[in-house]
Amino acid sequence: GLGAGAGAGASSGGAGDYRTQIPSANISLANVYDPSPQEMAKALAEEPTFWEDLMEDIKGEAEKQGPVLKVWVNKMTPDGSVYLKFAAAPHATAAAASLSGRWFGGKQISVS
């Protein structure tokens, strides 16, 4: 599951930082999973419902900040991205703040 990690909120506030962007109902989480072919083969062999479980876990955590309309994984990205669409921009902003820097499956999530 997701847990608060050391360094949470230690973002630099650069151009890709969610706090400097125009409010949107959408956020992108990077580094959620390891997309390498070896790790994906291992994950799917150990847990055939890996993708469904991943989206369910992320949605469950994100919904603490407001209604999530859609969760999807871009399986082709090299950075392990998951995208979320919320009912309203304030929910997305709150979720971005909550999830940025958190740890999931041994990886630290970044938000944009």
Foldseek 3Di string as FASTA:
>chain_A
DKDADPCQPVDPPDPQAPVPDDQAQKKKKWQQAQLDPVRVVVQCVVPVCNQVVSQVVLLVLLCVLPAWPDKDWDSPDRTGMIMTGGPGRSSVSVSQSVQQQIDHPNTGMHMD
